[in-house]
Amino acid sequence: MSKPADLRLERLLGGDQLASLRRRLRRRFERAMPGEPVEHVRIAGLDAQEHAALASLIGRPQRFSSSLGIDVRMIDASLQRAGVADSLRDALERLDGPIANLAALRVRHQAQWAEVIAECRHPGLAELLLTPACVGLLKRLARQDPAAAGRLCQQAEAVLRRLPAKGQARSQLAAETLGDAHALDDGQPVATLVLAVQRRAVAPMDEADAATTGEGAAAERARDIWAAAGVLVNELARPALFLNLATEDGDGRTRGEPSFISLRALVRTSRRWMVGGRDVHVCENPNLVAIAADRLGARCRPLVCTDGMPGAAQRTLLTQLARAGARLFYHGDFDWPGITIANTVLRDHGALPWRLGAADYLAAIGTPQAHQGSLHGTPVAAAWDESLTTAMERHQISIAEESVTDSLLDDLDEQ
């Protein structure tokens, strides 16, 4: 620890009027690399009093200049001869306290972060932390504290070792693994890190979709990722609606009547959907399922409803059907939200458009009984048919899915 400043040093370099000068000199020592001597310093923005103080330290009064280069070794020697300090650095520390070596701290900090990353043992987390963006995520979650980051990685690895689960509730997984039932809630640091690892195993959203994803959609996406890992979040919310989907064991559901299945049931119970090589039609609106049940009943081909943008249960069901060999065909509303939903279903589940092209839209406009309205919102490009977006922009008419029921029922009728 440096000795306190004596009165002579206070007169030379102390006082509030020279505080700014001392701060600038201290910064030069703070930024020096370990073992690198500070020999020359140029100080700019000097006022007359600051210039006079530096000139007296050098021992050569000079004409005033707002910028002055100084030989630190010369000042060190001058201070030693006067017996007021061992060096310029010593003088600054006597006046204002120890000078931190920021460069050394930075090197030490980098080494600590490298150690955190090197100690990760879970392959998915270790791979994730190879990218600067993901290291940045970890630093934000740990609030730039390497020790906190190490604990966070250990907690995330403990959760990841339990995955995939077999239909376990997220709160139960959190309680058993981390001792806190809410530790994996949305927005919690461990949950964010685990989801980042698990997301790499799930088809990523397009950049355009990601840019427009709101808080609700982001939470729904997180439910999808947890579900893919066998973890249930709000497992009874928004069950999937379907008609005439058969399983190998019959499932006990009445053919010809709409049925619901929860995310809990989809994840916890292994089902063999009898859809291999079959066409499974997918619609956006529940009303179409009700109409199909009324008019076709048991004759209706397998039909699934997304009920708007598909949630975790709907997405899980569609994924299971596609894996079971079903050919998915999707239809929805001819409006901009409907096009967004169609883009999502076709992209994420390999579905094909079902009466959803420009020709179908133009034919619907010419149907007197079709429920038509004005288009609202920002146009969305239809990934499967560019001319559809052009036609919709030109006519500025929206068509509800229920308005084209007759043509859809023709496709659904197995007779």
Protein backbone atom coordinates (compact mmCIF):
# COMPACT_ATOMS: atom_id res chain seq x y z
CA MET A 1 0.00 0.00 0.00
CA SER A 2 1.34 3.46 -0.94
CA LYS A 3 2.22 5.94 1.79
CA PRO A 4 -0.06 8.98 2.25
CA ALA A 5 0.89 12.12 0.36
CA ASP A 6 2.86 14.79 2.18
CA LEU A 7 2.19 18.52 1.87
CA ARG A 8 4.82 19.03 -0.85
CA LEU A 9 3.19 16.39 -3.07
CA GLU A 10 -0.21 17.92 -2.40
CA ARG A 11 1.12 21.28 -3.57
CA LEU A 12 2.68 19.72 -6.68
CA LEU A 13 -0.15 17.54 -7.93
CA GLY A 14 -2.98 17.43 -5.38
CA GLY A 15 -6.20 19.36 -4.98
CA ASP A 16 -9.54 19.36 -6.78
CA GLN A 17 -8.32 21.61 -9.59
CA LEU A 18 -5.86 18.93 -10.75
CA ALA A 19 -8.20 15.97 -10.16
CA SER A 20 -9.01 15.65 -13.88
CA LEU A 21 -5.31 15.63 -14.77
CA ARG A 22 -4.62 12.91 -12.19
CA ARG A 23 -7.49 10.78 -13.58
CA ARG A 24 -6.03 11.00 -17.09
CA LEU A 25 -2.59 10.05 -15.85
CA ARG A 26 -4.02 7.13 -13.82
CA ARG A 27 -5.86 5.79 -16.91
CA ARG A 28 -2.55 5.46 -18.73
CA PHE A 29 -1.17 3.27 -15.94
CA GLU A 30 -4.43 1.32 -15.68
CA ARG A 31 -4.32 0.37 -19.36
CA ALA A 32 -0.70 -0.77 -19.44
CA MET A 33 -0.20 -4.46 -20.11
CA PRO A 34 1.36 -6.48 -17.25
CA GLY A 35 5.14 -5.98 -17.25
CA GLU A 36 4.91 -3.11 -19.72
CA PRO A 37 6.58 0.04 -18.28
CA VAL A 38 4.90 3.38 -18.90
CA GLU A 39 7.69 5.57 -20.26
CA HIS A 40 6.00 8.25 -22.33
CA VAL A 41 2.60 9.88 -21.91
CA ARG A 42 0.89 12.58 -23.97
CA ILE A 43 -1.86 14.48 -22.20
CA ALA A 44 -4.31 16.57 -24.23
CA GLY A 45 -6.95 19.10 -23.25
CA LEU A 46 -4.77 20.80 -20.64
CA ASP A 47 -5.73 24.05 -19.00
CA ALA A 48 -3.12 26.55 -17.80
CA GLN A 49 -2.95 25.20 -14.25
CA GLU A 50 -2.60 21.58 -15.42
CA HIS A 51 0.13 22.56 -17.87
CA ALA A 52 2.00 24.41 -15.15
CA ALA A 53 1.81 21.38 -12.80
CA LEU A 54 3.24 19.04 -15.44
CA ALA A 55 5.94 21.53 -16.42
CA SER A 56 7.05 21.83 -12.81
CA LEU A 57 7.21 18.04 -12.49
CA ILE A 58 9.45 17.90 -15.56
CA GLY A 59 11.54 20.70 -14.09
CA ARG A 60 11.50 22.78 -17.26
CA PRO A 61 8.95 25.59 -17.38
CA GLN A 62 7.50 25.69 -20.88
CA ARG A 63 5.28 27.98 -22.89
CA PHE A 64 1.61 26.99 -22.40
CA SER A 65 0.23 24.32 -24.72
CA SER A 66 -3.02 22.37 -24.45
CA SER A 67 -1.14 19.17 -25.23
CA LEU A 68 2.06 18.01 -23.64
CA GLY A 69 4.24 14.95 -24.00
CA ILE A 70 6.11 13.90 -20.88
CA ASP A 71 8.94 11.51 -20.15
CA VAL A 72 7.68 9.47 -17.17
CA ARG A 73 11.20 8.36 -16.26
CA MET A 74 12.24 12.01 -15.96
CA ILE A 75 9.30 12.71 -13.61
CA ASP A 76 10.11 9.60 -11.59
CA ALA A 77 13.66 10.81 -11.09
CA SER A 78 12.48 14.32 -10.17
CA LEU A 79 10.03 13.02 -7.55
CA GLN A 80 12.68 10.75 -6.08
CA ARG A 81 15.22 13.60 -5.80
CA ALA A 82 12.61 15.73 -4.06
CA GLY A 83 11.85 12.87 -1.68
CA VAL A 84 8.07 13.15 -2.15
CA ALA A 85 7.39 9.86 -4.02
CA ASP A 86 9.19 6.91 -5.56
CA SER A 87 7.61 7.48 -8.98
CA LEU A 88 4.75 9.19 -10.77
CA ARG A 89 2.61 6.10 -10.24
CA ASP A 90 3.49 6.10 -6.53
CA ALA A 91 2.58 9.80 -6.33
CA LEU A 92 -0.82 9.19 -7.96
CA GLU A 93 -1.54 6.28 -5.60
CA ARG A 94 -0.58 8.35 -2.55
CA LEU A 95 -2.98 11.07 -3.64
CA ASP A 96 -5.97 8.99 -4.82
CA GLY A 97 -5.43 5.36 -3.84
CA PRO A 98 -4.22 2.20 -5.61
CA ILE A 99 -4.25 2.05 -9.43
CA ALA A 100 -5.91 -1.06 -10.81
CA ASN A 101 -4.23 -2.85 -13.70
CA LEU A 102 -7.22 -3.12 -16.03
CA ALA A 103 -5.31 -5.06 -18.66
CA ALA A 104 -4.31 -7.71 -16.11
CA LEU A 105 -7.87 -7.83 -14.82
CA ARG A 106 -9.11 -8.29 -18.38
CA VAL A 107 -6.67 -11.14 -19.03
CA ARG A 108 -7.67 -12.79 -15.74
CA HIS A 109 -11.36 -12.32 -16.59
CA GLN A 110 -10.89 -13.93 -20.01
CA ALA A 111 -9.10 -16.88 -18.41
CA GLN A 112 -11.98 -17.34 -15.98
CA TRP A 113 -14.52 -17.43 -18.83
CA ALA A 114 -12.36 -19.86 -20.79
CA GLU A 115 -12.30 -22.12 -17.73
CA VAL A 116 -16.09 -21.98 -17.41
CA ILE A 117 -16.51 -23.08 -21.02
CA ALA A 118 -13.80 -25.75 -20.79
CA GLU A 119 -15.49 -27.34 -17.78
CA CYS A 120 -18.78 -27.95 -19.63
CA ARG A 121 -19.20 -31.68 -20.07
CA HIS A 122 -22.59 -31.98 -21.77
CA PRO A 123 -21.95 -32.29 -25.55
CA GLY A 124 -24.89 -30.07 -26.52
CA LEU A 125 -23.94 -27.28 -24.12
CA ALA A 126 -20.24 -27.53 -24.99
CA GLU A 127 -21.06 -27.26 -28.70
CA LEU A 128 -23.38 -24.33 -28.05
CA LEU A 129 -20.63 -22.42 -26.25
CA LEU A 130 -18.28 -22.69 -29.22
CA THR A 131 -20.11 -19.76 -30.84
CA PRO A 132 -19.50 -16.16 -29.69
CA ALA A 133 -23.23 -15.39 -29.73
CA CYS A 134 -23.98 -18.19 -27.28
CA VAL A 135 -21.09 -17.20 -25.03
CA GLY A 136 -22.60 -13.73 -25.06
CA LEU A 137 -25.94 -15.23 -24.02
CA LEU A 138 -24.28 -17.03 -21.11
CA LYS A 139 -22.55 -13.82 -20.00
CA ARG A 140 -25.84 -11.91 -20.07
CA LEU A 141 -27.62 -14.63 -18.13
CA ALA A 142 -24.82 -14.66 -15.54
CA ARG A 143 -24.61 -10.85 -15.47
CA GLN A 144 -20.94 -10.97 -16.56
CA ASP A 145 -19.95 -13.01 -13.48
CA PRO A 146 -17.83 -16.09 -14.38
CA ALA A 147 -18.57 -17.78 -11.06
CA ALA A 148 -22.32 -17.37 -11.59
CA ALA A 149 -21.90 -18.65 -15.15
CA GLY A 150 -20.15 -21.77 -13.88
CA ARG A 151 -23.03 -22.50 -11.50
CA LEU A 152 -25.53 -21.84 -14.27
CA CYS A 153 -23.79 -24.30 -16.61
CA GLN A 154 -23.74 -26.95 -13.89
CA GLN A 155 -27.47 -26.51 -13.32
CA ALA A 156 -28.21 -26.61 -17.06
CA GLU A 157 -26.15 -29.79 -17.45
CA ALA A 158 -28.06 -31.41 -14.58
CA VAL A 159 -31.32 -30.72 -16.42
CA LEU A 160 -29.97 -31.77 -19.81
CA ARG A 161 -28.83 -35.11 -18.41
CA ARG A 162 -32.47 -35.84 -17.59
CA LEU A 163 -33.60 -35.28 -21.18
CA PRO A 164 -35.41 -36.59 -23.04
CA ALA A 165 -38.01 -37.10 -20.34
CA LYS A 166 -41.11 -39.24 -20.67
CA GLY A 167 -43.96 -36.81 -20.30
CA GLN A 168 -42.71 -35.21 -17.08
CA ALA A 169 -44.09 -31.85 -15.94
CA ARG A 170 -41.57 -29.03 -16.19
CA SER A 171 -42.19 -27.97 -12.59
CA GLN A 172 -41.52 -31.51 -11.37
CA LEU A 173 -38.30 -31.70 -13.39
CA ALA A 174 -37.19 -28.37 -11.91
CA ALA A 175 -38.00 -29.43 -8.35
CA GLU A 176 -36.22 -32.78 -8.64
CA THR A 177 -33.17 -31.46 -10.45
CA LEU A 178 -32.69 -27.95 -9.08
CA GLY A 179 -34.67 -27.96 -5.85
CA ASP A 180 -36.99 -25.19 -7.07
CA ALA A 181 -40.23 -25.92 -8.93
CA HIS A 182 -40.03 -22.54 -10.70
CA ALA A 183 -36.36 -22.68 -11.73
CA LEU A 184 -37.31 -23.69 -15.29
CA ASP A 185 -40.16 -21.20 -15.73
CA ASP A 186 -40.09 -18.99 -18.82
CA GLY A 187 -37.37 -16.37 -18.56
CA GLN A 188 -35.36 -18.08 -15.82
CA PRO A 189 -31.62 -18.25 -16.68
CA VAL A 190 -31.34 -22.05 -16.46
CA ALA A 191 -34.46 -22.49 -18.62
CA THR A 192 -33.12 -20.07 -21.22
CA LEU A 193 -29.81 -21.93 -21.44
CA VAL A 194 -31.46 -25.38 -21.61
CA LEU A 195 -33.86 -24.18 -24.32
CA ALA A 196 -30.94 -22.76 -26.31
CA VAL A 197 -29.34 -26.23 -26.33
CA GLN A 198 -32.58 -28.05 -27.12
CA ARG A 199 -33.53 -25.59 -29.86
CA ARG A 200 -30.63 -26.86 -31.97
CA ALA A 201 -32.48 -30.18 -32.27
CA VAL A 202 -35.68 -28.49 -33.44
CA ALA A 203 -36.14 -26.89 -36.90
CA PRO A 204 -35.38 -23.17 -36.38
CA MET A 205 -37.82 -20.46 -37.32
CA ASP A 206 -37.18 -18.40 -40.40
CA GLU A 207 -35.61 -15.03 -39.69
CA ALA A 208 -38.76 -13.27 -40.87
CA ASP A 209 -40.92 -15.30 -38.49
CA ALA A 210 -38.50 -14.77 -35.62
CA ALA A 211 -38.59 -11.02 -36.18
CA THR A 212 -42.38 -10.94 -35.91
CA THR A 213 -42.72 -13.39 -33.03
CA GLY A 214 -44.42 -11.78 -30.05
CA GLU A 215 -44.20 -12.73 -26.39
CA GLY A 216 -47.13 -15.15 -26.62
CA ALA A 217 -45.77 -16.90 -29.69
CA ALA A 218 -42.31 -17.13 -28.11
CA ALA A 219 -43.82 -18.85 -25.05
CA GLU A 220 -45.68 -21.24 -27.35
CA ARG A 221 -42.46 -21.99 -29.19
CA ALA A 222 -40.78 -22.76 -25.87
CA ARG A 223 -43.60 -25.21 -25.10
CA ASP A 224 -42.87 -26.93 -28.42
CA ILE A 225 -39.20 -27.30 -27.56
CA TRP A 226 -39.94 -28.64 -24.09
CA ALA A 227 -42.50 -31.03 -25.59
CA ALA A 228 -39.94 -32.31 -28.10
CA ALA A 229 -37.76 -33.18 -25.11
CA GLY A 230 -40.64 -34.95 -23.38
CA VAL A 231 -41.27 -32.15 -20.86
CA LEU A 232 -44.80 -30.85 -20.37
CA VAL A 233 -45.70 -27.18 -19.91
CA ASN A 234 -49.38 -26.33 -19.45
CA GLU A 235 -50.02 -29.75 -20.87
CA LEU A 236 -53.80 -29.50 -20.75
CA ALA A 237 -54.06 -26.12 -22.49
CA ARG A 238 -55.19 -25.88 -26.13
CA PRO A 239 -55.68 -29.58 -26.91
CA ALA A 240 -55.52 -30.63 -30.56
CA LEU A 241 -58.84 -31.16 -32.38
CA PHE A 242 -59.15 -33.95 -34.95
CA LEU A 243 -61.61 -36.17 -36.74
CA ASN A 244 -61.25 -39.85 -37.74
CA LEU A 245 -57.61 -40.34 -36.77
CA ALA A 246 -57.13 -43.99 -35.91
CA THR A 247 -54.46 -45.64 -33.78
CA GLU A 248 -53.38 -49.26 -33.79
CA ASP A 249 -55.31 -50.01 -30.60
CA GLY A 250 -58.41 -48.11 -31.69
CA ASP A 251 -57.88 -45.54 -28.94
CA GLY A 252 -61.50 -45.83 -27.83
CA ARG A 253 -62.61 -42.75 -29.76
CA THR A 254 -65.87 -42.66 -31.70
CA ARG A 255 -65.38 -42.56 -35.45
CA GLY A 256 -67.27 -39.72 -37.09
CA GLU A 257 -67.18 -37.52 -33.97
CA PRO A 258 -64.56 -34.77 -33.36
CA SER A 259 -62.06 -35.57 -30.61
CA PHE A 260 -59.51 -33.64 -28.60
CA ILE A 261 -56.11 -34.82 -27.44
CA SER A 262 -53.93 -32.94 -24.99
CA LEU A 263 -50.20 -32.33 -25.16
CA ARG A 264 -49.95 -34.46 -22.01
CA ALA A 265 -51.53 -37.45 -23.75
CA LEU A 266 -49.47 -36.98 -26.91
CA VAL A 267 -46.16 -36.93 -25.04
CA ARG A 268 -46.81 -39.37 -22.21
CA THR A 269 -48.53 -42.12 -24.17
CA SER A 270 -46.88 -43.89 -27.09
CA ARG A 271 -49.30 -44.04 -30.03
CA ARG A 272 -49.03 -45.71 -33.42
CA TRP A 273 -51.16 -43.57 -35.70
CA MET A 274 -52.58 -45.62 -38.57
CA VAL A 275 -51.79 -43.05 -41.24
CA GLY A 276 -48.88 -44.56 -43.14
CA GLY A 277 -49.20 -43.61 -46.81
CA ARG A 278 -52.53 -41.86 -46.16
CA ASP A 279 -53.62 -38.31 -46.87
CA VAL A 280 -54.32 -36.33 -43.69
CA HIS A 281 -55.94 -32.96 -44.26
CA VAL A 282 -55.25 -30.06 -41.94
CA CYS A 283 -57.48 -27.01 -41.56
CA GLU A 284 -57.19 -23.76 -39.65
CA ASN A 285 -60.73 -23.34 -38.27
CA PRO A 286 -62.60 -25.63 -35.82
CA ASN A 287 -65.89 -24.85 -37.61
CA LEU A 288 -64.73 -26.87 -40.61
CA VAL A 289 -64.24 -29.93 -38.40
CA ALA A 290 -67.75 -29.55 -37.01
CA ILE A 291 -69.24 -29.20 -40.51
CA ALA A 292 -67.28 -32.20 -41.78
CA ALA A 293 -68.53 -34.28 -38.85
CA ASP A 294 -72.14 -33.20 -39.49
CA ARG A 295 -72.11 -33.84 -43.23
CA LEU A 296 -69.65 -36.69 -43.66
CA GLY A 297 -69.26 -38.30 -40.25
CA ALA A 298 -67.35 -41.58 -40.53
CA ARG A 299 -66.85 -41.03 -44.28
CA CYS A 300 -64.56 -38.06 -43.67
CA ARG A 301 -60.90 -38.55 -44.36
CA PRO A 302 -58.59 -37.91 -41.38
CA LEU A 303 -58.77 -34.21 -40.51
CA VAL A 304 -56.73 -32.17 -38.01
CA CYS A 305 -57.36 -28.57 -36.95
CA THR A 306 -54.60 -26.10 -36.04
CA ASP A 307 -57.13 -23.68 -34.47
CA GLY A 308 -55.20 -20.68 -35.73
CA MET A 309 -51.44 -20.70 -35.32
CA PRO A 310 -50.69 -24.23 -34.09
CA GLY A 311 -49.74 -24.54 -30.43
CA ALA A 312 -47.60 -27.19 -28.77
CA ALA A 313 -50.29 -29.89 -28.88
CA GLN A 314 -51.12 -29.25 -32.54
CA ARG A 315 -47.48 -29.13 -33.56
CA THR A 316 -46.68 -32.31 -31.66
CA LEU A 317 -49.63 -34.13 -33.27
CA LEU A 318 -48.62 -33.01 -36.77
CA THR A 319 -45.03 -34.06 -36.13
CA GLN A 320 -46.15 -37.49 -34.97
CA LEU A 321 -48.41 -37.93 -38.01
CA ALA A 322 -45.66 -36.94 -40.42
CA ARG A 323 -43.25 -39.35 -38.76
CA ALA A 324 -45.90 -42.07 -39.04
CA GLY A 325 -45.90 -41.64 -42.82
CA ALA A 326 -48.91 -39.37 -43.35
CA ARG A 327 -49.07 -36.99 -46.32
CA LEU A 328 -50.24 -33.69 -44.84
CA PHE A 329 -52.33 -31.20 -46.84
CA TYR A 330 -53.09 -27.78 -45.37
CA HIS A 331 -55.84 -25.23 -45.98
CA GLY A 332 -56.60 -21.99 -44.13
CA ASP A 333 -58.04 -18.51 -44.45
CA PHE A 334 -57.13 -16.31 -47.40
CA ASP A 335 -55.90 -13.39 -45.31
CA TRP A 336 -52.45 -12.30 -44.16
CA PRO A 337 -52.54 -14.11 -40.80
CA GLY A 338 -53.78 -17.18 -42.68
CA ILE A 339 -50.84 -17.01 -45.07
CA THR A 340 -48.45 -16.73 -42.10
CA ILE A 341 -49.97 -19.84 -40.52
CA ALA A 342 -49.80 -21.73 -43.83
CA ASN A 343 -46.14 -20.82 -44.27
CA THR A 344 -45.46 -22.20 -40.79
CA VAL A 345 -47.34 -25.50 -41.25
CA LEU A 346 -45.89 -26.17 -44.71
CA ARG A 347 -42.36 -25.38 -43.59
CA ASP A 348 -42.30 -27.05 -40.19
CA HIS A 349 -44.28 -30.19 -41.00
CA GLY A 350 -43.66 -30.80 -44.69
CA ALA A 351 -47.32 -30.24 -45.54
CA LEU A 352 -48.55 -29.47 -49.05
CA PRO A 353 -51.03 -26.70 -49.91
CA TRP A 354 -54.64 -27.85 -50.13
CA ARG A 355 -56.78 -25.71 -52.47
CA LEU A 356 -54.60 -22.79 -51.39
CA GLY A 357 -53.23 -21.39 -54.65
CA ALA A 358 -53.95 -18.22 -56.58
CA ALA A 359 -56.46 -20.04 -58.82
CA ASP A 360 -58.35 -21.26 -55.73
CA TYR A 361 -58.42 -17.73 -54.31
CA LEU A 362 -59.73 -16.22 -57.55
CA ALA A 363 -62.37 -18.94 -57.83
CA ALA A 364 -63.52 -18.22 -54.26
CA ILE A 365 -63.87 -14.50 -55.02
CA GLY A 366 -66.30 -15.39 -57.78
CA THR A 367 -68.51 -17.46 -55.47
CA PRO A 368 -71.52 -15.39 -54.39
CA GLN A 369 -72.03 -17.21 -51.09
CA ALA A 370 -68.41 -16.83 -49.98
CA HIS A 371 -67.92 -14.71 -46.89
CA GLN A 372 -65.65 -11.93 -48.08
CA GLY A 373 -64.07 -9.05 -46.23
CA SER A 374 -61.37 -6.47 -46.71
CA LEU A 375 -57.74 -7.40 -46.27
CA HIS A 376 -56.01 -5.75 -43.33
CA GLY A 377 -52.41 -5.70 -42.18
CA THR A 378 -49.06 -6.12 -43.86
CA PRO A 379 -48.92 -8.41 -46.92
CA VAL A 380 -47.21 -11.78 -46.41
CA ALA A 381 -45.51 -13.71 -49.21
CA ALA A 382 -47.02 -17.16 -49.75
CA ALA A 383 -43.95 -19.41 -49.92
CA TRP A 384 -45.73 -22.02 -52.07
CA ASP A 385 -47.29 -19.64 -54.64
CA GLU A 386 -45.95 -16.13 -55.24
CA SER A 387 -48.88 -15.33 -57.50
CA LEU A 388 -51.29 -15.80 -54.58
CA THR A 389 -49.87 -12.84 -52.71
CA THR A 390 -50.01 -10.77 -55.90
CA ALA A 391 -53.67 -11.68 -56.45
CA MET A 392 -54.61 -10.89 -52.85
CA GLU A 393 -52.86 -7.52 -52.97
CA ARG A 394 -54.63 -6.70 -56.21
CA HIS A 395 -58.15 -7.62 -55.06
CA GLN A 396 -57.80 -6.69 -51.34
CA ILE A 397 -60.38 -9.33 -50.40
CA SER A 398 -60.13 -11.88 -47.59
CA ILE A 399 -61.88 -15.25 -47.78
CA ALA A 400 -62.76 -17.21 -44.64
CA GLU A 401 -62.05 -20.94 -44.75
CA GLU A 402 -65.70 -21.77 -43.96
CA SER A 403 -66.74 -19.95 -47.13
CA VAL A 404 -65.25 -22.67 -49.35
CA THR A 405 -66.57 -25.60 -47.33
CA ASP A 406 -68.22 -27.38 -50.28
CA SER A 407 -65.02 -27.79 -52.28
CA LEU A 408 -63.10 -28.88 -49.18
CA LEU A 409 -65.74 -31.46 -48.25
CA ASP A 410 -65.51 -32.91 -51.75
CA ASP A 411 -61.85 -33.71 -51.04
CA LEU A 412 -62.63 -35.06 -47.57
CA ASP A 413 -65.40 -37.43 -48.66
CA GLU A 414 -63.97 -40.95 -48.90
CA GLN A 415 -66.85 -42.20 -51.11
